[in-house]
């Protein structure tokens, strides 16, 4: 259920990294996760071919926002709970 919803949100935010707040972490999925894994050195976890995620704790958001801003990468931070 959430996977399809997240993909729709990603489509609606074209050209932006979508960072989803899920529980105690922020998570980025799929191609965006693979990109951030290489760019920022975040650990990537893949569930199947092309279905991957990276994440970081809530208290690290400012750190990663700064890194993305310094690299001129557009992003949006979203709460998963907003889209139930």
PDB file of N, CA and C in Angstrom:
ATOM      1  N   UNK A   1       0.814  -1.190   0.000  1.00  0.00           N
ATOM      2  CA  UNK A   1       0.000   0.000   0.000  1.00  0.00           C
ATOM      3  C   UNK A   1       0.865   1.266   0.000  1.00  0.00           C
ATOM      4  N   UNK A   2       1.781   1.383   0.965  1.00  0.00           N
ATOM      5  CA  UNK A   2       2.604   2.579   1.039  1.00  0.00           C
ATOM      6  C   UNK A   2       3.554   2.707  -0.141  1.00  0.00           C
ATOM      7  N   UNK A   3       4.053   1.581  -0.647  1.00  0.00           N
ATOM      8  CA  UNK A   3       5.024   1.637  -1.736  1.00  0.00           C
ATOM      9  C   UNK A   3       4.437   2.348  -2.948  1.00  0.00           C
ATOM     10  N   UNK A   4       3.210   1.994  -3.330  1.00  0.00           N
ATOM     11  CA  UNK A   4       2.560   2.635  -4.471  1.00  0.00           C
ATOM     12  C   UNK A   4       2.318   4.119  -4.192  1.00  0.00           C
ATOM     13  N   UNK A   5       1.910   4.421  -2.966  1.00  0.00           N
ATOM     14  CA  UNK A   5       1.676   5.806  -2.579  1.00  0.00           C
ATOM     15  C   UNK A   5       2.970   6.613  -2.640  1.00  0.00           C
ATOM     16  N   UNK A   6       4.054   6.055  -2.123  1.00  0.00           N
ATOM     17  CA  UNK A   6       5.336   6.748  -2.160  1.00  0.00           C
ATOM     18  C   UNK A   6       5.766   7.010  -3.600  1.00  0.00           C
ATOM     19  N   UNK A   7       5.572   6.032  -4.477  1.00  0.00           N
ATOM     20  CA  UNK A   7       5.939   6.231  -5.878  1.00  0.00           C
ATOM     21  C   UNK A   7       5.108   7.330  -6.522  1.00  0.00           C
ATOM     22  N   UNK A   8       3.842   7.447  -6.178  1.00  0.00           N
ATOM     23  CA  UNK A   8       2.987   8.517  -6.693  1.00  0.00           C
ATOM     24  C   UNK A   8       3.499   9.869  -6.201  1.00  0.00           C
ATOM     25  N   UNK A   9       3.868   9.948  -4.941  1.00  0.00           N
ATOM     26  CA  UNK A   9       4.400  11.199  -4.380  1.00  0.00           C
ATOM     27  C   UNK A   9       5.696  11.579  -5.080  1.00  0.00           C
ATOM     28  N   UNK A  10       6.540  10.601  -5.344  1.00  0.00           N
ATOM     29  CA  UNK A  10       7.801  10.855  -6.059  1.00  0.00           C
ATOM     30  C   UNK A  10       7.507  11.401  -7.451  1.00  0.00           C
ATOM     31  N   UNK A  11       6.540  10.813  -8.143  1.00  0.00           N
ATOM     32  CA  UNK A  11       6.146  11.313  -9.471  1.00  0.00           C
ATOM     33  C   UNK A  11       5.646  12.749  -9.388  1.00  0.00           C
ATOM     34  N   UNK A  12       4.878  13.061  -8.351  1.00  0.00           N
ATOM     35  CA  UNK A  12       4.325  14.403  -8.181  1.00  0.00           C
ATOM     36  C   UNK A  12       5.394  15.437  -7.819  1.00  0.00           C
ATOM     37  N   UNK A  13       6.523  14.989  -7.338  1.00  0.00           N
ATOM     38  CA  UNK A  13       7.627  15.874  -6.955  1.00  0.00           C
ATOM     39  C   UNK A  13       8.829  15.648  -7.859  1.00  0.00           C
ATOM     40  N   UNK A  14       8.565  15.657  -9.141  1.00  0.00           N
ATOM     41  CA  UNK A  14       9.595  15.401 -10.152  1.00  0.00           C
ATOM     42  C   UNK A  14      10.809  16.309  -9.921  1.00  0.00           C
ATOM     43  N   UNK A  15      11.975  15.753 -10.109  1.00  0.00           N
ATOM     44  CA  UNK A  15      13.247  16.462  -9.967  1.00  0.00           C
ATOM     45  C   UNK A  15      13.574  16.852  -8.535  1.00  0.00           C
ATOM     46  N   UNK A  16      12.935  16.206  -7.554  1.00  0.00           N
ATOM     47  CA  UNK A  16      13.250  16.440  -6.153  1.00  0.00           C
ATOM     48  C   UNK A  16      13.468  15.094  -5.467  1.00  0.00           C
ATOM     49  N   UNK A  17      14.409  15.058  -4.549  1.00  0.00           N
ATOM     50  CA  UNK A  17      14.583  13.890  -3.703  1.00  0.00           C
ATOM     51  C   UNK A  17      13.462  13.929  -2.673  1.00  0.00           C
ATOM     52  N   UNK A  18      12.724  12.840  -2.539  1.00  0.00           N
ATOM     53  CA  UNK A  18      11.627  12.766  -1.567  1.00  0.00           C
ATOM     54  C   UNK A  18      12.108  12.021  -0.335  1.00  0.00           C
ATOM     55  N   UNK A  19      12.113  12.718   0.787  1.00  0.00           N
ATOM     56  CA  UNK A  19      12.555  12.167   2.060  1.00  0.00           C
ATOM     57  C   UNK A  19      11.315  11.977   2.924  1.00  0.00           C
ATOM     58  N   UNK A  20      11.005  10.714   3.236  1.00  0.00           N
ATOM     59  CA  UNK A  20       9.796  10.382   3.973  1.00  0.00           C
ATOM     60  C   UNK A  20      10.110  10.143   5.451  1.00  0.00           C
ATOM     61  N   UNK A  21       9.358  10.777   6.330  1.00  0.00           N
ATOM     62  CA  UNK A  21       9.471  10.516   7.763  1.00  0.00           C
ATOM     63  C   UNK A  21       8.639   9.279   8.073  1.00  0.00           C
ATOM     64  N   UNK A  22       9.322   8.238   8.568  1.00  0.00           N
ATOM     65  CA  UNK A  22       8.644   6.985   8.900  1.00  0.00           C
ATOM     66  C   UNK A  22       9.165   6.534  10.259  1.00  0.00           C
ATOM     67  N   UNK A  23       8.334   6.638  11.270  1.00  0.00           N
ATOM     68  CA  UNK A  23       8.757   6.254  12.609  1.00  0.00           C
ATOM     69  C   UNK A  23       9.882   7.135  13.103  1.00  0.00           C
ATOM     70  N   UNK A  24      10.976   6.524  13.522  1.00  0.00           N
ATOM     71  CA  UNK A  24      12.121   7.247  14.071  1.00  0.00           C
ATOM     72  C   UNK A  24      13.171   7.583  13.014  1.00  0.00           C
ATOM     73  N   UNK A  25      12.827   7.384  11.728  1.00  0.00           N
ATOM     74  CA  UNK A  25      13.793   7.590  10.651  1.00  0.00           C
ATOM     75  C   UNK A  25      13.201   8.401   9.509  1.00  0.00           C
ATOM     76  N   UNK A  26      14.096   8.964   8.716  1.00  0.00           N
ATOM     77  CA  UNK A  26      13.754   9.500   7.403  1.00  0.00           C
ATOM     78  C   UNK A  26      14.264   8.491   6.394  1.00  0.00           C
ATOM     79  N   UNK A  27      13.462   8.216   5.373  1.00  0.00           N
ATOM     80  CA  UNK A  27      13.777   7.173   4.400  1.00  0.00           C
ATOM     81  C   UNK A  27      13.613   7.717   2.987  1.00  0.00           C
ATOM     82  N   UNK A  28      14.505   7.296   2.101  1.00  0.00           N
ATOM     83  CA  UNK A  28      14.431   7.588   0.667  1.00  0.00           C
ATOM     84  C   UNK A  28      14.412   6.238  -0.032  1.00  0.00           C
ATOM     85  N   UNK A  29      13.578   6.092  -1.079  1.00  0.00           N
ATOM     86  CA  UNK A  29      13.422   4.781  -1.715  1.00  0.00           C
ATOM     87  C   UNK A  29      13.848   4.768  -3.178  1.00  0.00           C
ATOM     88  N   UNK A  30      14.031   3.564  -3.668  1.00  0.00           N
ATOM     89  CA  UNK A  30      14.274   3.212  -5.066  1.00  0.00           C
ATOM     90  C   UNK A  30      15.461   3.936  -5.696  1.00  0.00           C
ATOM     91  N   UNK A  31      15.285   4.492  -6.905  1.00  0.00           N
ATOM     92  CA  UNK A  31      16.403   5.113  -7.612  1.00  0.00           C
ATOM     93  C   UNK A  31      17.025   6.245  -6.805  1.00  0.00           C
ATOM     94  N   UNK A  32      16.163   6.988  -6.110  1.00  0.00           N
ATOM     95  CA  UNK A  32      16.676   8.081  -5.290  1.00  0.00           C
ATOM     96  C   UNK A  32      17.551   7.544  -4.157  1.00  0.00           C
ATOM     97  N   UNK A  33      17.189   6.396  -3.620  1.00  0.00           N
ATOM     98  CA  UNK A  33      17.992   5.771  -2.564  1.00  0.00           C
ATOM     99  C   UNK A  33      19.351   5.350  -3.100  1.00  0.00           C
ATOM    100  N   UNK A  34      19.358   4.763  -4.275  1.00  0.00           N
ATOM    101  CA  UNK A  34      20.627   4.328  -4.868  1.00  0.00           C
ATOM    102  C   UNK A  34      21.530   5.532  -5.143  1.00  0.00           C
ATOM    103  N   UNK A  35      20.928   6.611  -5.622  1.00  0.00           N
ATOM    104  CA  UNK A  35      21.671   7.840  -5.894  1.00  0.00           C
ATOM    105  C   UNK A  35      22.285   8.406  -4.606  1.00  0.00           C
ATOM    106  N   UNK A  36      21.478   8.534  -3.551  1.00  0.00           N
ATOM    107  CA  UNK A  36      21.987   9.086  -2.293  1.00  0.00           C
ATOM    108  C   UNK A  36      22.994   8.163  -1.626  1.00  0.00           C
ATOM    109  N   UNK A  37      22.839   6.872  -1.809  1.00  0.00           N
ATOM    110  CA  UNK A  37      23.806   5.931  -1.256  1.00  0.00           C
ATOM    111  C   UNK A  37      25.194   6.205  -1.829  1.00  0.00           C
ATOM    112  N   UNK A  38      25.257   6.396  -3.136  1.00  0.00           N
ATOM    113  CA  UNK A  38      26.543   6.665  -3.780  1.00  0.00           C
ATOM    114  C   UNK A  38      27.050   8.071  -3.455  1.00  0.00           C
ATOM    115  N   UNK A  39      26.147   9.040  -3.474  1.00  0.00           N
ATOM    116  CA  UNK A  39      26.530  10.432  -3.294  1.00  0.00           C
ATOM    117  C   UNK A  39      26.949  10.753  -1.861  1.00  0.00           C
ATOM    118  N   UNK A  40      26.176  10.258  -0.893  1.00  0.00           N
ATOM    119  CA  UNK A  40      26.400  10.628   0.506  1.00  0.00           C
ATOM    120  C   UNK A  40      26.949   9.498   1.366  1.00  0.00           C
ATOM    121  N   UNK A  41      27.110   8.321   0.778  1.00  0.00           N
ATOM    122  CA  UNK A  41      27.655   7.200   1.527  1.00  0.00           C
ATOM    123  C   UNK A  41      26.675   6.563   2.501  1.00  0.00           C
ATOM    124  N   UNK A  42      25.377   6.780   2.285  1.00  0.00           N
ATOM    125  CA  UNK A  42      24.378   6.156   3.148  1.00  0.00           C
ATOM    126  C   UNK A  42      24.275   4.670   2.835  1.00  0.00           C
ATOM    127  N   UNK A  43      24.070   3.861   3.848  1.00  0.00           N
ATOM    128  CA  UNK A  43      23.941   2.414   3.666  1.00  0.00           C
ATOM    129  C   UNK A  43      22.625   2.108   2.963  1.00  0.00           C
ATOM    130  N   UNK A  44      22.718   1.360   1.878  1.00  0.00           N
ATOM    131  CA  UNK A  44      21.562   0.995   1.062  1.00  0.00           C
ATOM    132  C   UNK A  44      21.115  -0.417   1.420  1.00  0.00           C
ATOM    133  N   UNK A  45      19.800  -0.597   1.583  1.00  0.00           N
ATOM    134  CA  UNK A  45      19.223  -1.905   1.835  1.00  0.00           C
ATOM    135  C   UNK A  45      18.257  -2.183   0.684  1.00  0.00           C
ATOM    136  N   UNK A  46      18.461  -3.314  -0.011  1.00  0.00           N
ATOM    137  CA  UNK A  46      17.590  -3.670  -1.133  1.00  0.00           C
ATOM    138  C   UNK A  46      16.764  -4.896  -0.769  1.00  0.00           C
ATOM    139  N   UNK A  47      15.474  -4.819  -1.092  1.00  0.00           N
ATOM    140  CA  UNK A  47      14.552  -5.911  -0.823  1.00  0.00           C
ATOM    141  C   UNK A  47      14.388  -6.798  -2.045  1.00  0.00           C
ATOM    142  N   UNK A  48      14.583  -6.210  -3.219  1.00  0.00           N
ATOM    143  CA  UNK A  48      14.522  -6.902  -4.508  1.00  0.00           C
ATOM    144  C   UNK A  48      15.268  -6.013  -5.493  1.00  0.00           C
ATOM    145  N   UNK A  49      15.453  -6.479  -6.703  1.00  0.00           N
ATOM    146  CA  UNK A  49      16.157  -5.691  -7.711  1.00  0.00           C
ATOM    147  C   UNK A  49      15.456  -4.356  -7.924  1.00  0.00           C
ATOM    148  N   UNK A  50      16.163  -3.260  -7.651  1.00  0.00           N
ATOM    149  CA  UNK A  50      15.614  -1.928  -7.861  1.00  0.00           C
ATOM    150  C   UNK A  50      14.719  -1.416  -6.748  1.00  0.00           C
ATOM    151  N   UNK A  51      14.426  -2.234  -5.761  1.00  0.00           N
ATOM    152  CA  UNK A  51      13.576  -1.810  -4.642  1.00  0.00           C
ATOM    153  C   UNK A  51      14.483  -1.691  -3.418  1.00  0.00           C
ATOM    154  N   UNK A  52      14.972  -0.464  -3.217  1.00  0.00           N
ATOM    155  CA  UNK A  52      15.952  -0.213  -2.168  1.00  0.00           C
ATOM    156  C   UNK A  52      15.530   0.975  -1.320  1.00  0.00           C
ATOM    157  N   UNK A  53      16.208   1.107  -0.183  1.00  0.00           N
ATOM    158  CA  UNK A  53      15.993   2.262   0.675  1.00  0.00           C
ATOM    159  C   UNK A  53      17.298   2.651   1.337  1.00  0.00           C
ATOM    160  N   UNK A  54      17.391   3.927   1.707  1.00  0.00           N
ATOM    161  CA  UNK A  54      18.425   4.432   2.601  1.00  0.00           C
ATOM    162  C   UNK A  54      17.687   5.222   3.666  1.00  0.00           C
ATOM    163  N   UNK A  55      18.315   5.401   4.804  1.00  0.00           N
ATOM    164  CA  UNK A  55      17.655   6.151   5.850  1.00  0.00           C
ATOM    165  C   UNK A  55      18.632   6.710   6.854  1.00  0.00           C
ATOM    166  N   UNK A  56      18.100   7.591   7.681  1.00  0.00           N
ATOM    167  CA  UNK A  56      18.880   8.181   8.755  1.00  0.00           C
ATOM    168  C   UNK A  56      17.922   8.583   9.866  1.00  0.00           C
ATOM    169  N   UNK A  57      18.421   8.682  11.106  1.00  0.00           N
ATOM    170  CA  UNK A  57      17.565   9.018  12.248  1.00  0.00           C
ATOM    171  C   UNK A  57      16.981  10.428  12.137  1.00  0.00           C
ATOM    172  N   UNK A  58      15.854  10.632  12.793  1.00  0.00           N
ATOM    173  CA  UNK A  58      15.188  11.937  12.779  1.00  0.00           C
ATOM    174  C   UNK A  58      16.127  13.069  13.177  1.00  0.00           C
ATOM    175  N   UNK A  59      16.980  12.825  14.156  1.00  0.00           N
ATOM    176  CA  UNK A  59      17.852  13.900  14.647  1.00  0.00           C
ATOM    177  C   UNK A  59      18.989  14.253  13.690  1.00  0.00           C
ATOM    178  N   UNK A  60      19.086  13.564  12.546  1.00  0.00           N
ATOM    179  CA  UNK A  60      20.129  13.862  11.558  1.00  0.00           C
ATOM    180  C   UNK A  60      19.595  14.636  10.356  1.00  0.00           C
ATOM    181  N   UNK A  61      18.336  15.029  10.386  1.00  0.00           N
ATOM    182  CA  UNK A  61      17.739  15.692   9.223  1.00  0.00           C
ATOM    183  C   UNK A  61      18.505  16.946   8.813  1.00  0.00           C
ATOM    184  N   UNK A  62      18.807  17.809   9.755  1.00  0.00           N
ATOM    185  CA  UNK A  62      19.502  19.058   9.406  1.00  0.00           C
ATOM    186  C   UNK A  62      20.837  18.783   8.727  1.00  0.00           C
ATOM    187  N   UNK A  63      21.552  17.791   9.201  1.00  0.00           N
ATOM    188  CA  UNK A  63      22.852  17.417   8.623  1.00  0.00           C
ATOM    189  C   UNK A  63      22.694  17.058   7.149  1.00  0.00           C
ATOM    190  N   UNK A  64      21.710  16.219   6.827  1.00  0.00           N
ATOM    191  CA  UNK A  64      21.538  15.785   5.444  1.00  0.00           C
ATOM    192  C   UNK A  64      20.884  16.853   4.576  1.00  0.00           C
ATOM    193  N   UNK A  65      20.038  17.685   5.159  1.00  0.00           N
ATOM    194  CA  UNK A  65      19.487  18.810   4.409  1.00  0.00           C
ATOM    195  C   UNK A  65      20.619  19.751   3.984  1.00  0.00           C
ATOM    196  N   UNK A  66      21.539  20.007   4.891  1.00  0.00           N
ATOM    197  CA  UNK A  66      22.682  20.880   4.577  1.00  0.00           C
ATOM    198  C   UNK A  66      23.532  20.286   3.461  1.00  0.00           C
ATOM    199  N   UNK A  67      23.786  18.987   3.534  1.00  0.00           N
ATOM    200  CA  UNK A  67      24.587  18.332   2.486  1.00  0.00           C
ATOM    201  C   UNK A  67      23.902  18.450   1.128  1.00  0.00           C
ATOM    202  N   UNK A  68      22.604  18.229   1.084  1.00  0.00           N
ATOM    203  CA  UNK A  68      21.868  18.329  -0.183  1.00  0.00           C
ATOM    204  C   UNK A  68      21.856  19.769  -0.685  1.00  0.00           C
ATOM    205  N   UNK A  69      21.654  20.721   0.210  1.00  0.00           N
ATOM    206  CA  UNK A  69      21.675  22.134  -0.180  1.00  0.00           C
ATOM    207  C   UNK A  69      23.042  22.530  -0.713  1.00  0.00           C
ATOM    208  N   UNK A  70      24.111  22.078  -0.063  1.00  0.00           N
ATOM    209  CA  UNK A  70      25.469  22.392  -0.517  1.00  0.00           C
ATOM    210  C   UNK A  70      25.746  21.833  -1.905  1.00  0.00           C
ATOM    211  N   UNK A  71      25.086  20.727  -2.253  1.00  0.00           N
ATOM    212  CA  UNK A  71      25.241  20.112  -3.569  1.00  0.00           C
ATOM    213  C   UNK A  71      24.189  20.608  -4.573  1.00  0.00           C
ATOM    214  N   UNK A  72      23.389  21.591  -4.152  1.00  0.00           N
ATOM    215  CA  UNK A  72      22.311  22.163  -4.985  1.00  0.00           C
ATOM    216  C   UNK A  72      21.326  21.105  -5.469  1.00  0.00           C
ATOM    217  N   UNK A  73      20.988  20.183  -4.586  1.00  0.00           N
ATOM    218  CA  UNK A  73      20.023  19.132  -4.899  1.00  0.00           C
ATOM    219  C   UNK A  73      18.687  19.496  -4.259  1.00  0.00           C
ATOM    220  N   UNK A  74      17.639  19.543  -5.088  1.00  0.00           N
ATOM    221  CA  UNK A  74      16.297  19.858  -4.590  1.00  0.00           C
ATOM    222  C   UNK A  74      15.728  18.655  -3.855  1.00  0.00           C
ATOM    223  N   UNK A  75      15.018  18.922  -2.779  1.00  0.00           N
ATOM    224  CA  UNK A  75      14.419  17.838  -2.003  1.00  0.00           C
ATOM    225  C   UNK A  75      13.160  18.340  -1.332  1.00  0.00           C
ATOM    226  N   UNK A  76      12.360  17.394  -0.867  1.00  0.00           N
ATOM    227  CA  UNK A  76      11.172  17.687  -0.097  1.00  0.00           C
ATOM    228  C   UNK A  76      11.111  16.674   1.030  1.00  0.00           C
ATOM    229  N   UNK A  77      10.727  17.132   2.226  1.00  0.00           N
ATOM    230  CA  UNK A  77      10.610  16.250   3.388  1.00  0.00           C
ATOM    231  C   UNK A  77       9.118  16.074   3.667  1.00  0.00           C
ATOM    232  N   UNK A  78       8.677  14.823   3.723  1.00  0.00           N
ATOM    233  CA  UNK A  78       7.258  14.491   3.871  1.00  0.00           C
ATOM    234  C   UNK A  78       7.045  13.520   5.012  1.00  0.00           C
ATOM    235  N   UNK A  79       5.922  13.661   5.693  1.00  0.00           N
ATOM    236  CA  UNK A  79       5.540  12.707   6.712  1.00  0.00           C
ATOM    237  C   UNK A  79       4.667  11.635   6.082  1.00  0.00           C
ATOM    238  N   UNK A  80       5.018  10.382   6.274  1.00  0.00           N
ATOM    239  CA  UNK A  80       4.221   9.280   5.722  1.00  0.00           C
ATOM    240  C   UNK A  80       2.811   9.283   6.288  1.00  0.00           C
ATOM    241  N   UNK A  81       2.676   9.807   7.497  1.00  0.00           N
ATOM    242  CA  UNK A  81       1.385   9.779   8.171  1.00  0.00           C
ATOM    243  C   UNK A  81       0.396  10.770   7.559  1.00  0.00           C
ATOM    244  N   UNK A  82       0.885  11.721   6.802  1.00  0.00           N
ATOM    245  CA  UNK A  82       0.038  12.690   6.123  1.00  0.00           C
ATOM    246  C   UNK A  82      -0.756  12.025   5.014  1.00  0.00           C
ATOM    247  N   UNK A  83      -0.260  10.912   4.486  1.00  0.00           N
ATOM    248  CA  UNK A  83      -0.802  10.311   3.274  1.00  0.00           C
ATOM    249  C   UNK A  83      -1.561   9.024   3.512  1.00  0.00           C
ATOM    250  N   UNK A  84      -2.089   8.824   4.702  1.00  0.00           N
ATOM    251  CA  UNK A  84      -2.853   7.610   5.000  1.00  0.00           C
ATOM    252  C   UNK A  84      -4.152   7.601   4.234  1.00  0.00           C
TER     253      UNK A  84
END
